C-alpha atoms as a PDB file:
ATOM      1  CA  MET A   1       0.000   0.000   0.000  1.00  0.00           C
ATOM      2  CA  ARG A   2       1.641   3.233  -1.178  1.00  0.00           C
ATOM      3  CA  PRO A   3       0.599   6.877  -0.763  1.00  0.00           C
ATOM      4  CA  LYS A   4       0.855   8.702  -4.089  1.00  0.00           C
ATOM      5  CA  GLN A   5       0.834  12.217  -5.490  1.00  0.00           C
ATOM      6  CA  SER A   6       0.563  13.050  -9.197  1.00  0.00           C
ATOM      7  CA  VAL A   7       3.906  13.641 -10.867  1.00  0.00           C
ATOM      8  CA  VAL A   8       3.588  17.167 -12.265  1.00  0.00           C
ATOM      9  CA  SER A   9       7.065  18.541 -11.580  1.00  0.00           C
ATOM     10  CA  ASP A  10      10.672  17.572 -11.058  1.00  0.00           C
ATOM     11  CA  ASN A  11      10.141  17.397  -7.301  1.00  0.00           C
ATOM     12  CA  MET A  12      11.052  14.211  -5.496  1.00  0.00           C
ATOM     13  CA  PRO A  13       8.053  12.006  -4.639  1.00  0.00           C
ATOM     14  CA  LEU A  14       8.564  12.518  -0.894  1.00  0.00           C
ATOM     15  CA  ASP A  15       8.719  16.289  -1.373  1.00  0.00           C
ATOM     16  CA  ASP A  16       5.477  16.238  -3.368  1.00  0.00           C
ATOM     17  CA  LEU A  17       3.761  14.233  -0.639  1.00  0.00           C
ATOM     18  CA  HIS A  18       5.043  16.592   2.045  1.00  0.00           C
ATOM     19  CA  GLU A  19       4.022  19.744   0.189  1.00  0.00           C
ATOM     20  CA  ASN A  20       0.781  18.637  -1.485  1.00  0.00           C
ATOM     21  CA  GLY A  21      -0.465  15.700   0.581  1.00  0.00           C
ATOM     22  CA  ILE A  22      -1.719  12.313  -0.575  1.00  0.00           C
ATOM     23  CA  ARG A  23      -3.842  12.324  -3.717  1.00  0.00           C
ATOM     24  CA  TYR A  24      -4.567   8.601  -3.875  1.00  0.00           C
ATOM     25  CA  ILE A  25      -3.577   5.267  -2.338  1.00  0.00           C
ATOM     26  CA  GLU A  26      -2.032   2.597  -4.551  1.00  0.00           C
ATOM     27  CA  LEU A  27      -2.943  -0.957  -3.559  1.00  0.00           C
ATOM     28  CA  ARG A  28      -0.445  -3.525  -4.767  1.00  0.00           C
ATOM     29  CA  SER A  29      -0.445  -7.337  -4.959  1.00  0.00           C
ATOM     30  CA  LEU A  30      -4.222  -7.725  -5.261  1.00  0.00           C
ATOM     31  CA  ASP A  31      -5.105 -11.079  -6.763  1.00  0.00           C
ATOM     32  CA  ILE A  32      -6.981 -10.934 -10.059  1.00  0.00           C
ATOM     33  CA  ASN A  33     -10.081 -13.100 -10.330  1.00  0.00           C
ATOM     34  CA  PRO A  34      -9.885 -14.685 -13.818  1.00  0.00           C
ATOM     35  CA  SER A  35     -13.607 -15.422 -13.858  1.00  0.00           C
ATOM     36  CA  LEU A  36     -14.421 -11.691 -13.870  1.00  0.00           C
ATOM     37  CA  PRO A  37     -14.038  -9.583 -17.042  1.00  0.00           C
ATOM     38  CA  LEU A  38     -12.191  -6.835 -15.151  1.00  0.00           C
ATOM     39  CA  GLY A  39     -10.492  -9.140 -12.640  1.00  0.00           C
ATOM     40  CA  ILE A  40     -12.393  -7.457  -9.802  1.00  0.00           C
ATOM     41  CA  ASP A  41     -16.038  -6.694  -9.065  1.00  0.00           C
ATOM     42  CA  LYS A  42     -18.005  -4.105  -7.094  1.00  0.00           C
ATOM     43  CA  THR A  43     -18.309  -6.356  -4.038  1.00  0.00           C
ATOM     44  CA  GLN A  44     -14.539  -6.582  -3.699  1.00  0.00           C
ATOM     45  CA  VAL A  45     -14.109  -2.845  -4.280  1.00  0.00           C
ATOM     46  CA  LEU A  46     -16.613  -2.017  -1.538  1.00  0.00           C
ATOM     47  CA  PHE A  47     -14.952  -4.517   0.798  1.00  0.00           C
ATOM     48  CA  LEU A  48     -11.558  -2.947   0.131  1.00  0.00           C
ATOM     49  CA  GLU A  49     -12.952   0.495   0.996  1.00  0.00           C
ATOM     50  CA  ALA A  50     -14.200  -0.838   4.328  1.00  0.00           C
ATOM     51  CA  PHE A  51     -10.883  -2.608   4.884  1.00  0.00           C
ATOM     52  CA  LEU A  52      -8.914   0.583   4.209  1.00  0.00           C
ATOM     53  CA  LEU A  53     -11.072   2.478   6.686  1.00  0.00           C
ATOM     54  CA  PHE A  54     -10.362  -0.264   9.227  1.00  0.00           C
ATOM     55  CA  CYS A  55      -6.631   0.132   8.572  1.00  0.00           C
ATOM     56  CA  LEU A  56      -6.962   3.864   9.154  1.00  0.00           C
ATOM     57  CA  LEU A  57      -8.948   3.648  12.390  1.00  0.00           C
ATOM     58  CA  GLU A  58      -7.389   0.579  14.004  1.00  0.00           C
ATOM     59  CA  GLU A  59      -4.638   1.353  16.478  1.00  0.00           C
ATOM     60  CA  SER A  60      -1.285   0.343  15.039  1.00  0.00           C
ATOM     61  CA  PRO A  61       1.525   0.717  17.559  1.00  0.00           C
ATOM     62  CA  ALA A  62       5.115  -0.005  16.593  1.00  0.00           C
ATOM     63  CA  ILE A  63       5.911  -3.714  16.578  1.00  0.00           C
ATOM     64  CA  CYS A  64       8.974  -5.452  17.923  1.00  0.00           C
ATOM     65  CA  SER A  65      11.213  -7.759  15.909  1.00  0.00           C
ATOM     66  CA  GLU A  66       9.515 -10.823  17.430  1.00  0.00           C
ATOM     67  CA  GLU A  67       6.083  -9.685  16.233  1.00  0.00           C
ATOM     68  CA  GLN A  68       7.549  -8.954  12.799  1.00  0.00           C
ATOM     69  CA  VAL A  69       8.735 -12.556  12.627  1.00  0.00           C
ATOM     70  CA  GLU A  70       5.200 -13.708  13.553  1.00  0.00           C
ATOM     71  CA  CYS A  71       3.756 -11.595  10.730  1.00  0.00           C
ATOM     72  CA  ASP A  72       6.258 -12.926   8.193  1.00  0.00           C
ATOM     73  CA  VAL A  73       5.651 -16.556   9.200  1.00  0.00           C
ATOM     74  CA  ASN A  74       1.862 -16.068   9.101  1.00  0.00           C
ATOM     75  CA  ASP A  75       2.148 -14.489   5.675  1.00  0.00           C
ATOM     76  CA  ARG A  76       4.043 -17.474   4.278  1.00  0.00           C
ATOM     77  CA  LEU A  77       1.701 -19.986   5.928  1.00  0.00           C
ATOM     78  CA  VAL A  78      -1.413 -18.369   4.468  1.00  0.00           C
ATOM     79  CA  ALA A  79       0.175 -17.985   1.034  1.00  0.00           C
ATOM     80  CA  HIS A  80       1.337 -21.605   0.823  1.00  0.00           C
ATOM     81  CA  ASN A  81      -1.117 -23.475   3.070  1.00  0.00           C
ATOM     82  CA  GLY A  82      -4.134 -21.200   3.327  1.00  0.00           C
ATOM     83  CA  ARG A  83      -6.549 -23.901   2.136  1.00  0.00           C
ATOM     84  CA  GLN A  84      -5.333 -26.383   4.745  1.00  0.00           C
ATOM     85  CA  PRO A  85      -8.099 -27.182   7.279  1.00  0.00           C
ATOM     86  CA  LYS A  86      -7.379 -26.072  10.848  1.00  0.00           C
ATOM     87  CA  LEU A  87      -4.335 -24.055   9.782  1.00  0.00           C
ATOM     88  CA  ALA A  88      -2.887 -22.416  12.905  1.00  0.00           C
ATOM     89  CA  LEU A  89      -1.192 -19.021  12.960  1.00  0.00           C
ATOM     90  CA  MET A  90       0.576 -17.128  15.736  1.00  0.00           C
ATOM     91  CA  PHE A  91      -0.692 -13.908  17.296  1.00  0.00           C
ATOM     92  CA  GLN A  92       0.998 -12.311  20.291  1.00  0.00           C
ATOM     93  CA  ARG A  93       2.827 -15.562  21.064  1.00  0.00           C
ATOM     94  CA  LYS A  94      -0.411 -17.581  21.037  1.00  0.00           C
ATOM     95  CA  SER A  95      -1.670 -20.062  18.474  1.00  0.00           C
ATOM     96  CA  ILE A  96      -4.902 -19.134  16.702  1.00  0.00           C
ATOM     97  CA  LEU A  97      -6.782 -20.825  13.882  1.00  0.00           C
ATOM     98  CA  LEU A  98      -6.840 -19.009  10.573  1.00  0.00           C
ATOM     99  CA  GLN A  99     -10.658 -19.077  10.570  1.00  0.00           C
ATOM    100  CA  ASP A 100     -10.847 -17.611  14.077  1.00  0.00           C
ATOM    101  CA  PHE A 101      -8.320 -14.926  13.212  1.00  0.00           C
ATOM    102  CA  GLY A 102     -10.302 -14.101  10.072  1.00  0.00           C
ATOM    103  CA  ARG A 103     -13.586 -13.804  11.958  1.00  0.00           C
ATOM    104  CA  ILE A 104     -12.031 -11.408  14.482  1.00  0.00           C
ATOM    105  CA  LEU A 105     -10.778  -9.163  11.700  1.00  0.00           C
ATOM    106  CA  MET A 106     -14.038  -9.353   9.750  1.00  0.00           C
ATOM    107  CA  ASP A 107     -16.031  -8.258  12.801  1.00  0.00           C
ATOM    108  CA  LYS A 108     -13.863  -5.148  13.063  1.00  0.00           C
ATOM    109  CA  ILE A 109     -14.058  -4.465   9.331  1.00  0.00           C
ATOM    110  CA  TYR A 110     -17.852  -4.756   9.489  1.00  0.00           C
ATOM    111  CA  LEU A 111     -17.971  -2.017  12.127  1.00  0.00           C
ATOM    112  CA  CYS A 112     -16.188   0.226   9.647  1.00  0.00           C
ATOM    113  CA  ALA A 113     -18.587  -0.843   6.890  1.00  0.00           C
ATOM    114  CA  GLU A 114     -21.449   0.384   9.062  1.00  0.00           C
ATOM    115  CA  LEU A 115     -19.959   3.872   8.818  1.00  0.00           C
ATOM    116  CA  LEU A 116     -19.971   3.684   5.020  1.00  0.00           C
ATOM    117  CA  GLY A 117     -23.476   2.368   4.409  1.00  0.00           C
ATOM    118  CA  GLN A 118     -25.593  -0.660   3.606  1.00  0.00           C
ATOM    119  CA  ASN A 119     -23.824  -1.578   0.372  1.00  0.00           C
ATOM    120  CA  HIS A 120     -20.498  -1.827   2.179  1.00  0.00           C
ATOM    121  CA  GLN A 121     -22.073  -3.930   4.937  1.00  0.00           C
ATOM    122  CA  MET A 122     -23.461  -6.352   2.352  1.00  0.00           C
ATOM    123  CA  ALA A 123     -20.075  -6.566   0.637  1.00  0.00           C
ATOM    124  CA  VAL A 124     -18.257  -7.362   3.891  1.00  0.00           C
ATOM    125  CA  ASN A 125     -20.850 -10.000   4.782  1.00  0.00           C
ATOM    126  CA  THR A 126     -20.456 -11.590   1.346  1.00  0.00           C
ATOM    127  CA  ILE A 127     -16.671 -11.767   1.626  1.00  0.00           C
ATOM    128  CA  ALA A 128     -16.829 -12.889   5.268  1.00  0.00           C
ATOM    129  CA  LYS A 129     -18.848 -15.994   4.328  1.00  0.00           C
ATOM    130  CA  ARG A 130     -15.751 -17.327   2.561  1.00  0.00           C
ATOM    131  CA  ILE A 131     -14.025 -17.792   5.915  1.00  0.00           C
ATOM    132  CA  LYS A 132     -16.623 -20.296   7.149  1.00  0.00           C
ATOM    133  CA  TYR A 133     -17.555 -21.716   3.755  1.00  0.00           C
ATOM    134  CA  VAL A 134     -14.229 -22.108   1.961  1.00  0.00           C
ATOM    135  CA  GLU A 135     -15.982 -23.526  -1.090  1.00  0.00           C
ATOM    136  CA  LEU A 136     -17.107 -19.943  -1.842  1.00  0.00           C
ATOM    137  CA  THR A 137     -13.556 -18.677  -2.279  1.00  0.00           C
ATOM    138  CA  PRO A 138     -12.418 -17.997  -5.862  1.00  0.00           C
ATOM    139  CA  SER A 139      -9.625 -20.559  -5.494  1.00  0.00           C
ATOM    140  CA  ALA A 140     -12.064 -23.275  -4.385  1.00  0.00           C
ATOM    141  CA  ILE A 141     -14.437 -22.484  -7.243  1.00  0.00           C
ATOM    142  CA  MET A 142     -11.543 -22.635  -9.686  1.00  0.00           C
ATOM    143  CA  MET A 143     -10.220 -25.946  -8.380  1.00  0.00           C
ATOM    144  CA  SER A 144     -13.690 -27.489  -8.282  1.00  0.00           C
ATOM    145  CA  TYR A 145     -14.323 -26.564 -11.915  1.00  0.00           C
ATOM    146  CA  MET A 146     -10.951 -27.876 -13.090  1.00  0.00           C
ATOM    147  CA  LYS A 147     -11.433 -31.184 -11.271  1.00  0.00           C
ATOM    148  CA  LYS A 148     -14.992 -31.600 -12.555  1.00  0.00           C
ATOM    149  CA  HIS A 149     -13.957 -30.974 -16.165  1.00  0.00           C
ATOM    150  CA  ASN A 150     -10.525 -32.613 -15.872  1.00  0.00           C
ATOM    151  CA  GLN A 151      -8.984 -29.372 -17.053  1.00  0.00           C
ATOM    152  CA  GLU A 152      -5.538 -27.988 -16.292  1.00  0.00           C
ATOM    153  CA  PHE A 153      -4.984 -24.397 -15.193  1.00  0.00           C
ATOM    154  CA  CYS A 154      -3.802 -23.008 -18.540  1.00  0.00           C
ATOM    155  CA  ARG A 155      -6.875 -24.268 -20.405  1.00  0.00           C
ATOM    156  CA  TYR A 156      -9.126 -22.980 -17.627  1.00  0.00           C
ATOM    157  CA  ILE A 157      -7.649 -19.479 -17.821  1.00  0.00           C
ATOM    158  CA  ASN A 158      -7.559 -19.469 -21.619  1.00  0.00           C
ATOM    159  CA  ALA A 159     -11.270 -20.248 -21.796  1.00  0.00           C
ATOM    160  CA  PHE A 160     -12.079 -17.236 -19.623  1.00  0.00           C
ATOM    161  CA  ALA A 161      -9.723 -15.037 -21.630  1.00  0.00           C
ATOM    162  CA  LYS A 162     -11.556 -15.902 -24.856  1.00  0.00           C
ATOM    163  CA  GLN A 163     -14.922 -15.377 -23.160  1.00  0.00           C
ATOM    164  CA  HIS A 164     -13.927 -11.959 -21.846  1.00  0.00           C
ATOM    165  CA  LYS A 165     -12.510 -10.991 -25.238  1.00  0.00           C
ATOM    166  CA  GLN A 166     -15.848 -11.663 -26.885  1.00  0.00           C
ATOM    167  CA  THR A 167     -17.607  -9.684 -24.173  1.00  0.00           C
ATOM    168  CA  PHE A 168     -15.450  -6.607 -24.732  1.00  0.00           C
ATOM    169  CA  LEU A 169     -15.743  -6.897 -28.519  1.00  0.00           C
ATOM    170  CA  THR A 170     -19.498  -6.367 -28.191  1.00  0.00           C
ATOM    171  CA  TYR A 171     -18.955  -2.942 -26.611  1.00  0.00           C
ATOM    172  CA  PRO A 172     -19.135   0.075 -28.958  1.00  0.00           C
ATOM    173  CA  ILE A 173     -15.818   1.762 -29.718  1.00  0.00           C
ATOM    174  CA  ASP A 174     -15.527   5.446 -28.820  1.00  0.00           C
ATOM    175  CA  GLN A 175     -13.226   6.708 -31.558  1.00  0.00           C
ATOM    176  CA  ALA A 176     -12.991  10.134 -29.919  1.00  0.00           C
ATOM    177  CA  HIS A 177     -11.399   8.507 -26.872  1.00  0.00           C
ATOM    178  CA  PHE A 178      -8.777   6.749 -29.000  1.00  0.00           C
ATOM    179  CA  ASP A 179      -8.077  10.020 -30.833  1.00  0.00           C
ATOM    180  CA  TYR A 180      -7.527  11.648 -27.441  1.00  0.00           C
ATOM    181  CA  LEU A 181      -5.062   8.909 -26.439  1.00  0.00           C
ATOM    182  CA  ASP A 182      -3.189   9.283 -29.738  1.00  0.00           C
ATOM    183  CA  GLN A 183      -2.897  13.024 -29.145  1.00  0.00           C
ATOM    184  CA  GLN A 184      -1.651  12.460 -25.603  1.00  0.00           C
ATOM    185  CA  ALA A 185       1.011  10.082 -26.935  1.00  0.00           C
ATOM    186  CA  LYS A 186       2.180  12.642 -29.509  1.00  0.00           C
ATOM    187  CA  GLU A 187       2.347  15.414 -26.908  1.00  0.00           C
ATOM    188  CA  SER A 188       4.262  13.137 -24.542  1.00  0.00           C
ATOM    189  CA  CYS A 189       6.863  12.355 -27.237  1.00  0.00           C
ATOM    190  CA  GLN A 190       7.193  16.066 -28.033  1.00  0.00           C
ATOM    191  CA  GLN A 191       7.742  16.896 -24.349  1.00  0.00           C
ATOM    192  CA  GLN A 192      10.311  14.109 -24.083  1.00  0.00           C
ATOM    193  CA  PHE A 193      12.184  15.500 -27.103  1.00  0.00           C
ATOM    194  CA  LYS A 194      12.244  19.018 -25.609  1.00  0.00           C
ATOM    195  CA  ILE A 195      13.545  17.714 -22.296  1.00  0.00           C
ATOM    196  CA  GLU A 196      16.274  15.665 -23.961  1.00  0.00           C
ATOM    197  CA  GLN A 197      17.334  18.622 -26.121  1.00  0.00           C
ATOM    198  CA  ALA A 198      17.603  20.810 -23.037  1.00  0.00           C
ATOM    199  CA  ASP A 199      19.818  18.341 -21.167  1.00  0.00           C
ATOM    200  CA  ASN A 200      23.160  19.825 -20.211  1.00  0.00           C
ATOM    201  CA  VAL A 201      24.399  17.212 -17.744  1.00  0.00           C
ATOM    202  CA  SER A 202      25.147  13.514 -18.067  1.00  0.00           C
ATOM    203  CA  PHE A 203      22.782  10.899 -16.680  1.00  0.00           C
ATOM    204  CA  ASP A 204      25.260  10.042 -13.924  1.00  0.00           C
ATOM    205  CA  GLU A 205      25.422  13.706 -12.878  1.00  0.00           C
ATOM    206  CA  TYR A 206      21.628  13.925 -12.908  1.00  0.00           C
ATOM    207  CA  LEU A 207      21.311  10.893 -10.610  1.00  0.00           C
ATOM    208  CA  ALA A 208      23.964  12.277  -8.262  1.00  0.00           C
ATOM    209  CA  ASN A 209      22.120  15.606  -8.009  1.00  0.00           C
ATOM    210  CA  TYR A 210      18.743  13.909  -7.643  1.00  0.00           C
ATOM    211  CA  PHE A 211      19.768  11.729  -4.731  1.00  0.00           C
ATOM    212  CA  SER A 212      21.937  14.362  -3.057  1.00  0.00           C
ATOM    213  CA  ASN A 213      18.846  15.680  -1.237  1.00  0.00           C
ATOM    214  CA  TYR A 214      18.467  12.321   0.527  1.00  0.00           C
ATOM    215  CA  GLN A 215      22.006  12.334   1.902  1.00  0.00           C
END
């Protein structure tokens, strides 16, 4: 999760954030659901909004190195063995089941969803069901389909890719939008050319000057 500010000058990113504040939050490493045309749906977007509000409001004191190790180990366990029944994690030196840990977090996230409205509450409830009923998770649905049709992963994904392609081909094309993008590309190349023509230092000198403010 990264705070971002639009790049409109030669200022360093940290300077832009300090002077102009945060314009948007970049969420990284979100899994894409291959069964959805856009890889994500409104339910997940609303859940993420409630989750971000939870992250903002939940107390987050500094952690010690021991707790950092717990977090790292839990992260690997969930990534590699998250579908394992009765998977146990560690929290504050105590063992806790993944499902129990998930329910605790979901209850807190739901409280934040109540601040945002009914649609967010419904989204959190929908996602929360996946903790108790693992067959509702995208991974379980995917594996069930592949087993039922004796289909390997590549064929499964390729079928959805072709389906989504046909879906998008049915949408009307806004030529004015593509003309706008072409114009933006031309203007960007022109600006690049002007910048390169105005260069009076080597790339190594530029990097040295750029990072000198951090020293």
